Amino acid sequence: MSTSGNPDRLPTAAIAEALLISAIWGFNFVVIKVGVAGVPPFMLAALRFVFCVFPAIIWIRKPAASWGALAAYGLFLGVVEFGFLFTAIKLGAPAGLSSLVLQSQAFFTALIAAAFLKERIRLNNVLGMVVAGAGLAVIAMAEASSAGGAARMSPPLFMMVIAAALGWAAANVIARTMPGTSGLGLMVWSSLFSPLPLAMLSLFFEGPERIAGALRNMSWLSVGALAYLVVLSTLVGYGLWNRLIMRHGAGRIAPFSLLVPIFGVASAALLLGESITALDAVAAVLILAGLSIHAFGSGMARRR
């Protein structure tokens, strides 16, 4: 059906692409779980960003951004976010629940942007943070009650995923200082600054013998997981996402990211056998409701 008569309606193709990206990024957490089972987490993250750079850097032009901004983005996204996330999942954080907790980055982004870029925090942002914060509190309390699936997100692992969300939020704010920058170009060129720190962390925490053994005995399953992380999750995912935002606007496309944890929780339950308890469901509803208020609240208020 044609959408040309309604300029506010997204074309069917754009909706399909946004749904595909959300599914790719949601399933990404299952892939991480598979990847870190065969390769130490810091080394897996380092390899991910090595192959995000090469060979793509040959044909992707450097974005119009300073080297300092690219370095900061690469360090916060590559080292902080994925270093903490991969390690937390390796140590036992559930893939599905991690995909949900990581979405707290939306609120951290708003807070950091308000502090450093003087962006305004509206009432719907505050309300969304409160509602989603209640959901995160449910996850934290579930550990004390030893309630099934949520109990596997122990306080140290929970804080590691929160630290990963903070790293993603900081990278988002840095990206906001580079208007007009290609998302794919930003990913490729900022990835120059991620592998070396991650490799150094791998040598320190994982040790040369463990790294050498993992690389020497890498299975096709591990190779496939790495390929998914590089090609689908990073290059295709960010490339399509940036193109959609440029064509249709961030406000119309960004809310599709709310579907990522739904795909993440569902795929983890289906493929990894992760249980979904009543407390998991309550936490998911609260966090997604908070994200929805955060994303849509101001627009709904203006239409009244």
C-alpha atoms as a PDB file:
ATOM      1  CA  MET A   1       0.000   0.000   0.000  1.00  0.00           C
ATOM      2  CA  SER A   2       1.362   3.406  -0.926  1.00  0.00           C
ATOM      3  CA  THR A   3       2.353   5.822   1.809  1.00  0.00           C
ATOM      4  CA  SER A   4       2.837   8.820  -0.459  1.00  0.00           C
ATOM      5  CA  GLY A   5      -0.450  10.383   0.686  1.00  0.00           C
ATOM      6  CA  ASN A   6       0.709  10.587   4.285  1.00  0.00           C
ATOM      7  CA  PRO A   7       4.136  12.212   4.758  1.00  0.00           C
ATOM      8  CA  ASP A   8       4.103  11.333   8.478  1.00  0.00           C
ATOM      9  CA  ARG A   9       3.868   7.597   7.793  1.00  0.00           C
ATOM     10  CA  LEU A  10       7.110   5.682   7.349  1.00  0.00           C
ATOM     11  CA  PRO A  11       7.425   3.726   4.097  1.00  0.00           C
ATOM     12  CA  THR A  12       6.979  -0.018   4.452  1.00  0.00           C
ATOM     13  CA  ALA A  13      10.574  -0.597   3.339  1.00  0.00           C
ATOM     14  CA  ALA A  14      11.898   1.709   6.076  1.00  0.00           C
ATOM     15  CA  ILE A  15       9.833  -0.084   8.719  1.00  0.00           C
ATOM     16  CA  ALA A  16      11.113  -3.431   7.448  1.00  0.00           C
ATOM     17  CA  GLU A  17      14.731  -2.228   7.611  1.00  0.00           C
ATOM     18  CA  ALA A  18      14.277  -0.839  11.138  1.00  0.00           C
ATOM     19  CA  LEU A  19      12.730  -4.127  12.290  1.00  0.00           C
ATOM     20  CA  LEU A  20      15.586  -6.067  10.681  1.00  0.00           C
ATOM     21  CA  ILE A  21      18.204  -3.958  12.485  1.00  0.00           C
ATOM     22  CA  SER A  22      16.406  -4.364  15.815  1.00  0.00           C
ATOM     23  CA  ALA A  23      16.369  -8.131  15.299  1.00  0.00           C
ATOM     24  CA  ILE A  24      20.076  -8.163  14.344  1.00  0.00           C
ATOM     25  CA  TRP A  25      21.012  -6.149  17.436  1.00  0.00           C
ATOM     26  CA  GLY A  26      18.740  -8.186  19.710  1.00  0.00           C
ATOM     27  CA  PHE A  27      20.146 -11.514  18.514  1.00  0.00           C
ATOM     28  CA  ASN A  28      23.613  -9.984  18.956  1.00  0.00           C
ATOM     29  CA  PHE A  29      23.506 -10.819  22.680  1.00  0.00           C
ATOM     30  CA  VAL A  30      23.106 -14.545  21.963  1.00  0.00           C
ATOM     31  CA  VAL A  31      26.025 -14.280  19.525  1.00  0.00           C
ATOM     32  CA  ILE A  32      28.160 -12.616  22.220  1.00  0.00           C
ATOM     33  CA  LYS A  33      27.341 -15.486  24.595  1.00  0.00           C
ATOM     34  CA  VAL A  34      28.491 -17.962  21.940  1.00  0.00           C
ATOM     35  CA  GLY A  35      31.581 -15.907  21.075  1.00  0.00           C
ATOM     36  CA  VAL A  36      32.934 -15.501  24.612  1.00  0.00           C
ATOM     37  CA  ALA A  37      32.499 -19.246  25.209  1.00  0.00           C
ATOM     38  CA  GLY A  38      35.371 -19.857  22.799  1.00  0.00           C
ATOM     39  CA  VAL A  39      37.410 -16.633  22.860  1.00  0.00           C
ATOM     40  CA  PRO A  40      38.345 -14.544  25.951  1.00  0.00           C
ATOM     41  CA  PRO A  41      36.051 -11.495  26.105  1.00  0.00           C
ATOM     42  CA  PHE A  42      38.648  -8.718  25.843  1.00  0.00           C
ATOM     43  CA  MET A  43      40.350 -10.501  22.952  1.00  0.00           C
ATOM     44  CA  LEU A  44      37.005 -11.094  21.209  1.00  0.00           C
ATOM     45  CA  ALA A  45      36.220  -7.378  21.527  1.00  0.00           C
ATOM     46  CA  ALA A  46      39.688  -6.483  20.203  1.00  0.00           C
ATOM     47  CA  LEU A  47      39.245  -8.771  17.179  1.00  0.00           C
ATOM     48  CA  ARG A  48      35.801  -7.292  16.540  1.00  0.00           C
ATOM     49  CA  PHE A  49      37.233  -3.805  16.159  1.00  0.00           C
ATOM     50  CA  VAL A  50      40.292  -4.920  14.198  1.00  0.00           C
ATOM     51  CA  PHE A  51      37.979  -6.318  11.539  1.00  0.00           C
ATOM     52  CA  CYS A  52      35.692  -3.299  11.758  1.00  0.00           C
ATOM     53  CA  VAL A  53      38.692  -1.252  10.605  1.00  0.00           C
ATOM     54  CA  PHE A  54      40.235  -3.586   8.039  1.00  0.00           C
ATOM     55  CA  PRO A  55      39.517  -3.758   5.192  1.00  0.00           C
ATOM     56  CA  ALA A  56      36.587  -1.286   5.408  1.00  0.00           C
ATOM     57  CA  ILE A  57      38.900   1.674   6.059  1.00  0.00           C
ATOM     58  CA  ILE A  58      40.222   1.304   2.496  1.00  0.00           C
ATOM     59  CA  TRP A  59      36.962   2.496   0.918  1.00  0.00           C
ATOM     60  CA  ILE A  60      35.214   4.325   3.799  1.00  0.00           C
ATOM     61  CA  ARG A  61      36.270   7.984   3.931  1.00  0.00           C
ATOM     62  CA  LYS A  62      37.362   9.535   7.227  1.00  0.00           C
ATOM     63  CA  PRO A  63      34.456  11.545   8.661  1.00  0.00           C
ATOM     64  CA  ALA A  64      34.764  15.290   9.149  1.00  0.00           C
ATOM     65  CA  ALA A  65      35.628  14.962  12.830  1.00  0.00           C
ATOM     66  CA  SER A  66      38.746  15.590  14.893  1.00  0.00           C
ATOM     67  CA  TRP A  67      41.069  12.737  15.778  1.00  0.00           C
ATOM     68  CA  GLY A  68      40.422  13.479  19.444  1.00  0.00           C
ATOM     69  CA  ALA A  69      36.666  13.032  19.021  1.00  0.00           C
ATOM     70  CA  LEU A  70      37.171   9.811  17.063  1.00  0.00           C
ATOM     71  CA  ALA A  71      39.534   8.487  19.732  1.00  0.00           C
ATOM     72  CA  ALA A  72      37.141   9.341  22.567  1.00  0.00           C
ATOM     73  CA  TYR A  73      34.238   7.684  20.752  1.00  0.00           C
ATOM     74  CA  GLY A  74      36.295   4.559  20.044  1.00  0.00           C
ATOM     75  CA  LEU A  75      37.506   4.271  23.633  1.00  0.00           C
ATOM     76  CA  PHE A  76      34.096   4.715  25.257  1.00  0.00           C
ATOM     77  CA  LEU A  77      32.209   2.513  22.794  1.00  0.00           C
ATOM     78  CA  GLY A  78      34.841  -0.127  22.114  1.00  0.00           C
ATOM     79  CA  VAL A  79      36.726  -0.392  25.392  1.00  0.00           C
ATOM     80  CA  VAL A  80      34.204   0.668  28.031  1.00  0.00           C
ATOM     81  CA  GLU A  81      30.921  -0.568  26.571  1.00  0.00           C
ATOM     82  CA  PHE A  82      32.007  -3.772  24.883  1.00  0.00           C
ATOM     83  CA  GLY A  83      34.831  -4.523  27.306  1.00  0.00           C
ATOM     84  CA  PHE A  84      32.413  -4.537  30.240  1.00  0.00           C
ATOM     85  CA  LEU A  85      29.531  -6.141  28.320  1.00  0.00           C
ATOM     86  CA  PHE A  86      31.528  -9.031  26.856  1.00  0.00           C
ATOM     87  CA  THR A  87      33.193  -9.717  30.224  1.00  0.00           C
ATOM     88  CA  ALA A  88      29.890  -9.617  32.125  1.00  0.00           C
ATOM     89  CA  ILE A  89      28.294 -12.093  29.711  1.00  0.00           C
ATOM     90  CA  LYS A  90      31.375 -14.334  29.889  1.00  0.00           C
ATOM     91  CA  LEU A  91      31.102 -14.351  33.705  1.00  0.00           C
ATOM     92  CA  GLY A  92      27.461 -15.411  33.573  1.00  0.00           C
ATOM     93  CA  ALA A  93      25.223 -12.394  32.951  1.00  0.00           C
ATOM     94  CA  PRO A  94      22.143 -13.639  31.040  1.00  0.00           C
ATOM     95  CA  ALA A  95      22.168 -12.498  27.419  1.00  0.00           C
ATOM     96  CA  GLY A  96      18.480 -11.551  27.379  1.00  0.00           C
ATOM     97  CA  LEU A  97      18.522  -9.625  30.640  1.00  0.00           C
ATOM     98  CA  SER A  98      21.748  -7.879  29.613  1.00  0.00           C
ATOM     99  CA  SER A  99      20.045  -6.618  26.448  1.00  0.00           C
ATOM    100  CA  LEU A 100      17.365  -5.092  28.664  1.00  0.00           C
ATOM    101  CA  VAL A 101      19.631  -3.490  31.284  1.00  0.00           C
ATOM    102  CA  LEU A 102      21.886  -2.054  28.566  1.00  0.00           C
ATOM    103  CA  GLN A 103      18.984   0.105  27.367  1.00  0.00           C
ATOM    104  CA  SER A 104      19.501   2.284  30.444  1.00  0.00           C
ATOM    105  CA  GLN A 105      22.007   4.018  28.152  1.00  0.00           C
ATOM    106  CA  ALA A 106      19.103   6.153  26.880  1.00  0.00           C
ATOM    107  CA  PHE A 107      18.718   7.801  30.270  1.00  0.00           C
ATOM    108  CA  PHE A 108      22.445   8.103  30.916  1.00  0.00           C
ATOM    109  CA  THR A 109      22.753   9.773  27.515  1.00  0.00           C
ATOM    110  CA  ALA A 110      20.146  12.369  28.500  1.00  0.00           C
ATOM    111  CA  LEU A 111      21.846  13.056  31.843  1.00  0.00           C
ATOM    112  CA  ILE A 112      25.370  13.341  30.398  1.00  0.00           C
ATOM    113  CA  ALA A 113      24.126  15.530  27.549  1.00  0.00           C
ATOM    114  CA  ALA A 114      22.407  17.812  30.077  1.00  0.00           C
ATOM    115  CA  ALA A 115      25.603  18.070  32.139  1.00  0.00           C
ATOM    116  CA  PHE A 116      28.089  18.634  29.314  1.00  0.00           C
ATOM    117  CA  LEU A 117      26.054  19.900  26.352  1.00  0.00           C
ATOM    118  CA  LYS A 118      23.452  21.824  28.399  1.00  0.00           C
ATOM    119  CA  GLU A 119      20.625  19.909  26.730  1.00  0.00           C
ATOM    120  CA  ARG A 120      17.272  20.323  28.429  1.00  0.00           C
ATOM    121  CA  ILE A 121      15.774  17.469  30.447  1.00  0.00           C
ATOM    122  CA  ARG A 122      11.980  17.511  30.154  1.00  0.00           C
ATOM    123  CA  LEU A 123       9.350  16.181  32.532  1.00  0.00           C
ATOM    124  CA  ASN A 124       8.760  13.089  30.379  1.00  0.00           C
ATOM    125  CA  ASN A 125      12.507  12.315  30.538  1.00  0.00           C
ATOM    126  CA  VAL A 126      12.453  12.437  34.335  1.00  0.00           C
ATOM    127  CA  LEU A 127       9.277  10.344  34.534  1.00  0.00           C
ATOM    128  CA  GLY A 128      10.723   7.799  32.106  1.00  0.00           C
ATOM    129  CA  MET A 129      13.897   7.547  34.202  1.00  0.00           C
ATOM    130  CA  VAL A 130      11.862   6.966  37.371  1.00  0.00           C
ATOM    131  CA  VAL A 131       9.731   4.222  35.795  1.00  0.00           C
ATOM    132  CA  ALA A 132      12.692   2.468  34.158  1.00  0.00           C
ATOM    133  CA  GLY A 133      14.713   2.899  37.351  1.00  0.00           C
ATOM    134  CA  ALA A 134      12.016   0.950  39.160  1.00  0.00           C
ATOM    135  CA  GLY A 135      12.506  -1.822  36.612  1.00  0.00           C
ATOM    136  CA  LEU A 136      16.258  -1.870  37.228  1.00  0.00           C
ATOM    137  CA  ALA A 137      15.541  -1.973  40.969  1.00  0.00           C
ATOM    138  CA  VAL A 138      13.370  -5.056  40.427  1.00  0.00           C
ATOM    139  CA  ILE A 139      16.307  -6.772  38.719  1.00  0.00           C
ATOM    140  CA  ALA A 140      18.615  -5.809  41.594  1.00  0.00           C
ATOM    141  CA  MET A 141      16.132  -7.018  44.230  1.00  0.00           C
ATOM    142  CA  ALA A 142      15.648 -10.290  42.391  1.00  0.00           C
ATOM    143  CA  GLU A 143      19.182 -11.296  43.393  1.00  0.00           C
ATOM    144  CA  ALA A 144      18.297 -11.031  47.057  1.00  0.00           C
ATOM    145  CA  SER A 145      15.176 -13.134  46.559  1.00  0.00           C
ATOM    146  CA  SER A 146      17.030 -15.717  44.426  1.00  0.00           C
ATOM    147  CA  ALA A 147      14.231 -15.666  41.880  1.00  0.00           C
ATOM    148  CA  GLY A 148      15.172 -17.785  38.889  1.00  0.00           C
ATOM    149  CA  GLY A 149      16.393 -16.011  35.757  1.00  0.00           C
ATOM    150  CA  ALA A 150      16.820 -12.581  37.321  1.00  0.00           C
ATOM    151  CA  ALA A 151      18.938 -14.049  40.118  1.00  0.00           C
ATOM    152  CA  ARG A 152      21.714 -14.875  37.663  1.00  0.00           C
ATOM    153  CA  MET A 153      22.328 -11.157  37.215  1.00  0.00           C
ATOM    154  CA  SER A 154      24.350 -10.852  40.422  1.00  0.00           C
ATOM    155  CA  PRO A 155      25.174  -7.339  41.733  1.00  0.00           C
ATOM    156  CA  PRO A 156      28.742  -7.290  40.287  1.00  0.00           C
ATOM    157  CA  LEU A 157      27.503  -8.425  36.856  1.00  0.00           C
ATOM    158  CA  PHE A 158      24.602  -5.970  37.029  1.00  0.00           C
ATOM    159  CA  MET A 159      27.036  -3.120  37.724  1.00  0.00           C
ATOM    160  CA  MET A 160      29.277  -4.227  34.849  1.00  0.00           C
ATOM    161  CA  VAL A 161      26.351  -4.033  32.407  1.00  0.00           C
ATOM    162  CA  ILE A 162      25.429  -0.625  33.870  1.00  0.00           C
ATOM    163  CA  ALA A 163      29.061   0.469  33.293  1.00  0.00           C
ATOM    164  CA  ALA A 164      28.726  -0.745  29.692  1.00  0.00           C
ATOM    165  CA  ALA A 165      25.565   1.364  29.346  1.00  0.00           C
ATOM    166  CA  LEU A 166      27.467   4.395  30.676  1.00  0.00           C
ATOM    167  CA  GLY A 167      30.183   3.823  28.080  1.00  0.00           C
ATOM    168  CA  TRP A 168      27.580   3.686  25.311  1.00  0.00           C
ATOM    169  CA  ALA A 169      25.920   6.846  26.651  1.00  0.00           C
ATOM    170  CA  ALA A 170      29.234   8.729  26.707  1.00  0.00           C
ATOM    171  CA  ALA A 171      29.874   7.649  23.107  1.00  0.00           C
ATOM    172  CA  ASN A 172      26.396   8.876  22.132  1.00  0.00           C
ATOM    173  CA  VAL A 173      27.102  12.298  23.613  1.00  0.00           C
ATOM    174  CA  ILE A 174      30.449  12.499  21.822  1.00  0.00           C
ATOM    175  CA  ALA A 175      28.682  11.615  18.565  1.00  0.00           C
ATOM    176  CA  ARG A 176      26.275  14.512  19.145  1.00  0.00           C
ATOM    177  CA  THR A 177      29.240  16.897  18.942  1.00  0.00           C
ATOM    178  CA  MET A 178      29.858  15.686  15.360  1.00  0.00           C
ATOM    179  CA  PRO A 179      26.675  16.651  13.454  1.00  0.00           C
ATOM    180  CA  GLY A 180      26.471  15.402   9.893  1.00  0.00           C
ATOM    181  CA  THR A 181      29.013  12.633  10.478  1.00  0.00           C
ATOM    182  CA  SER A 182      28.310   9.320   8.746  1.00  0.00           C
ATOM    183  CA  GLY A 183      27.489   6.649  11.295  1.00  0.00           C
ATOM    184  CA  LEU A 184      29.351   3.993   9.312  1.00  0.00           C
ATOM    185  CA  GLY A 185      32.387   6.233   8.801  1.00  0.00           C
ATOM    186  CA  LEU A 186      32.391   7.052  12.509  1.00  0.00           C
ATOM    187  CA  MET A 187      32.293   3.352  13.429  1.00  0.00           C
ATOM    188  CA  VAL A 188      35.102   2.389  11.048  1.00  0.00           C
ATOM    189  CA  TRP A 189      37.523   5.208  11.837  1.00  0.00           C
ATOM    190  CA  SER A 190      36.849   5.333  15.596  1.00  0.00           C
ATOM    191  CA  SER A 191      37.532   1.585  15.691  1.00  0.00           C
ATOM    192  CA  LEU A 192      41.207   2.391  15.089  1.00  0.00           C
ATOM    193  CA  PHE A 193      41.445   3.344  18.773  1.00  0.00           C
ATOM    194  CA  SER A 194      39.742   0.302  20.331  1.00  0.00           C
ATOM    195  CA  PRO A 195      41.882  -2.784  19.538  1.00  0.00           C
ATOM    196  CA  LEU A 196      45.149  -1.820  21.243  1.00  0.00           C
ATOM    197  CA  PRO A 197      43.678  -0.982  24.699  1.00  0.00           C
ATOM    198  CA  LEU A 198      41.469  -4.088  24.503  1.00  0.00           C
ATOM    199  CA  ALA A 199      44.478  -6.244  23.544  1.00  0.00           C
ATOM    200  CA  MET A 200      46.451  -4.825  26.474  1.00  0.00           C
ATOM    201  CA  LEU A 201      43.563  -5.584  28.851  1.00  0.00           C
ATOM    202  CA  SER A 202      43.399  -9.076  27.392  1.00  0.00           C
ATOM    203  CA  LEU A 203      47.106  -9.660  27.978  1.00  0.00           C
ATOM    204  CA  PHE A 204      46.833  -8.409  31.558  1.00  0.00           C
ATOM    205  CA  PHE A 205      43.613 -10.168  32.626  1.00  0.00           C
ATOM    206  CA  GLU A 206      43.426 -13.157  30.284  1.00  0.00           C
ATOM    207  CA  GLY A 207      47.105 -13.921  29.750  1.00  0.00           C
ATOM    208  CA  PRO A 208      49.110 -14.781  26.627  1.00  0.00           C
ATOM    209  CA  GLU A 209      48.687 -18.556  27.036  1.00  0.00           C
ATOM    210  CA  ARG A 210      44.906 -18.368  27.163  1.00  0.00           C
ATOM    211  CA  ILE A 211      44.829 -15.976  24.207  1.00  0.00           C
ATOM    212  CA  ALA A 212      47.164 -18.141  22.119  1.00  0.00           C
ATOM    213  CA  GLY A 213      45.180 -21.280  22.947  1.00  0.00           C
ATOM    214  CA  ALA A 214      41.885 -19.650  21.999  1.00  0.00           C
ATOM    215  CA  LEU A 215      43.245 -18.339  18.690  1.00  0.00           C
ATOM    216  CA  ARG A 216      44.965 -21.632  17.870  1.00  0.00           C
ATOM    217  CA  ASN A 217      41.855 -23.688  18.588  1.00  0.00           C
ATOM    218  CA  MET A 218      39.208 -21.246  17.362  1.00  0.00           C
ATOM    219  CA  SER A 219      36.173 -23.170  16.138  1.00  0.00           C
ATOM    220  CA  TRP A 220      34.006 -22.347  13.166  1.00  0.00           C
ATOM    221  CA  LEU A 221      31.299 -21.376  15.655  1.00  0.00           C
ATOM    222  CA  SER A 222      33.607 -18.752  17.164  1.00  0.00           C
ATOM    223  CA  VAL A 223      34.583 -17.520  13.692  1.00  0.00           C
ATOM    224  CA  GLY A 224      30.912 -17.245  12.791  1.00  0.00           C
ATOM    225  CA  ALA A 225      30.157 -15.306  15.982  1.00  0.00           C
ATOM    226  CA  LEU A 226      33.006 -12.884  15.235  1.00  0.00           C
ATOM    227  CA  ALA A 227      31.799 -12.450  11.652  1.00  0.00           C
ATOM    228  CA  TYR A 228      28.279 -11.688  12.883  1.00  0.00           C
ATOM    229  CA  LEU A 229      29.599  -9.096  15.370  1.00  0.00           C
ATOM    230  CA  VAL A 230      31.696  -7.373  12.702  1.00  0.00           C
ATOM    231  CA  VAL A 231      29.573  -7.577   9.571  1.00  0.00           C
ATOM    232  CA  LEU A 232      25.943  -7.717  10.702  1.00  0.00           C
ATOM    233  CA  SER A 233      25.951  -6.098  14.133  1.00  0.00           C
ATOM    234  CA  THR A 234      28.436  -3.311  13.403  1.00  0.00           C
ATOM    235  CA  LEU A 235      28.898  -2.527   9.713  1.00  0.00           C
ATOM    236  CA  VAL A 236      25.481  -3.481   8.328  1.00  0.00           C
ATOM    237  CA  GLY A 237      23.553  -2.536  11.469  1.00  0.00           C
ATOM    238  CA  TYR A 238      25.068   0.889  11.983  1.00  0.00           C
ATOM    239  CA  GLY A 239      25.228   1.580   8.241  1.00  0.00           C
ATOM    240  CA  LEU A 240      21.509   0.915   7.687  1.00  0.00           C
ATOM    241  CA  TRP A 241      20.535   2.641  10.934  1.00  0.00           C
ATOM    242  CA  ASN A 242      22.407   5.806  10.004  1.00  0.00           C
ATOM    243  CA  ARG A 243      20.887   5.802   6.500  1.00  0.00           C
ATOM    244  CA  LEU A 244      17.364   5.500   7.928  1.00  0.00           C
ATOM    245  CA  ILE A 245      17.972   8.362  10.361  1.00  0.00           C
ATOM    246  CA  MET A 246      19.337  10.583   7.580  1.00  0.00           C
ATOM    247  CA  ARG A 247      16.343   9.845   5.334  1.00  0.00           C
ATOM    248  CA  HIS A 248      13.515   9.866   7.866  1.00  0.00           C
ATOM    249  CA  GLY A 249      14.835  11.662  10.960  1.00  0.00           C
ATOM    250  CA  ALA A 250      16.085  10.438  14.334  1.00  0.00           C
ATOM    251  CA  GLY A 251      12.747  11.054  16.035  1.00  0.00           C
ATOM    252  CA  ARG A 252      10.933   8.629  13.723  1.00  0.00           C
ATOM    253  CA  ILE A 253      13.600   5.911  13.667  1.00  0.00           C
ATOM    254  CA  ALA A 254      15.219   5.915  17.145  1.00  0.00           C
ATOM    255  CA  PRO A 255      12.130   4.478  18.951  1.00  0.00           C
ATOM    256  CA  PHE A 256      12.578   1.229  16.994  1.00  0.00           C
ATOM    257  CA  SER A 257      15.557   0.557  19.305  1.00  0.00           C
ATOM    258  CA  LEU A 258      12.957  -0.239  21.989  1.00  0.00           C
ATOM    259  CA  LEU A 259      12.453  -3.536  20.149  1.00  0.00           C
ATOM    260  CA  VAL A 260      16.085  -4.612  20.633  1.00  0.00           C
ATOM    261  CA  PRO A 261      15.624  -6.044  24.158  1.00  0.00           C
ATOM    262  CA  ILE A 262      12.420  -7.788  23.069  1.00  0.00           C
ATOM    263  CA  PHE A 263      14.362  -9.633  20.363  1.00  0.00           C
ATOM    264  CA  GLY A 264      17.227 -10.111  22.839  1.00  0.00           C
ATOM    265  CA  VAL A 265      15.114 -11.677  25.592  1.00  0.00           C
ATOM    266  CA  ALA A 266      13.118 -13.812  23.136  1.00  0.00           C
ATOM    267  CA  SER A 267      16.170 -15.163  21.289  1.00  0.00           C
ATOM    268  CA  ALA A 268      18.010 -15.899  24.555  1.00  0.00           C
ATOM    269  CA  ALA A 269      14.998 -17.796  25.900  1.00  0.00           C
ATOM    270  CA  LEU A 270      14.552 -19.721  22.644  1.00  0.00           C
ATOM    271  CA  LEU A 271      18.177 -20.549  21.828  1.00  0.00           C
ATOM    272  CA  LEU A 272      19.968 -20.480  25.198  1.00  0.00           C
ATOM    273  CA  GLY A 273      17.135 -21.725  27.376  1.00  0.00           C
ATOM    274  CA  GLU A 274      17.241 -18.662  29.625  1.00  0.00           C
ATOM    275  CA  SER A 275      14.160 -18.631  31.831  1.00  0.00           C
ATOM    276  CA  ILE A 276      11.811 -15.662  31.971  1.00  0.00           C
ATOM    277  CA  THR A 277      10.351 -15.331  35.457  1.00  0.00           C
ATOM    278  CA  ALA A 278       7.548 -13.133  36.723  1.00  0.00           C
ATOM    279  CA  LEU A 279      10.121 -10.669  38.090  1.00  0.00           C
ATOM    280  CA  ASP A 280      11.915 -10.632  34.724  1.00  0.00           C
ATOM    281  CA  ALA A 281       8.607  -9.797  33.035  1.00  0.00           C
ATOM    282  CA  VAL A 282       7.794  -7.030  35.551  1.00  0.00           C
ATOM    283  CA  ALA A 283      11.265  -5.522  35.110  1.00  0.00           C
ATOM    284  CA  ALA A 284      10.957  -5.703  31.309  1.00  0.00           C
ATOM    285  CA  VAL A 285       7.562  -3.985  31.318  1.00  0.00           C
ATOM    286  CA  LEU A 286       8.799  -1.197  33.618  1.00  0.00           C
ATOM    287  CA  ILE A 287      12.014  -0.572  31.652  1.00  0.00           C
ATOM    288  CA  LEU A 288      10.280  -0.592  28.271  1.00  0.00           C
ATOM    289  CA  ALA A 289       7.497   1.629  29.628  1.00  0.00           C
ATOM    290  CA  GLY A 290      10.100   4.065  30.949  1.00  0.00           C
ATOM    291  CA  LEU A 291      11.914   4.063  27.606  1.00  0.00           C
ATOM    292  CA  SER A 292       8.618   4.706  25.807  1.00  0.00           C
ATOM    293  CA  ILE A 293       7.771   7.649  28.072  1.00  0.00           C
ATOM    294  CA  HIS A 294      11.301   8.969  27.568  1.00  0.00           C
ATOM    295  CA  ALA A 295      11.082   8.636  23.750  1.00  0.00           C
ATOM    296  CA  PHE A 296       7.444   9.569  23.092  1.00  0.00           C
ATOM    297  CA  GLY A 297       6.285  11.566  26.114  1.00  0.00           C
ATOM    298  CA  SER A 298       7.001  15.062  24.839  1.00  0.00           C
ATOM    299  CA  GLY A 299       5.331  14.392  21.483  1.00  0.00           C
ATOM    300  CA  MET A 300       2.210  12.970  23.123  1.00  0.00           C
ATOM    301  CA  ALA A 301       1.986  16.005  25.413  1.00  0.00           C
ATOM    302  CA  ARG A 302       2.233  18.405  22.441  1.00  0.00           C
ATOM    303  CA  ARG A 303      -0.599  16.642  20.595  1.00  0.00           C
ATOM    304  CA  ARG A 304      -3.016  17.127  23.486  1.00  0.00           C
END
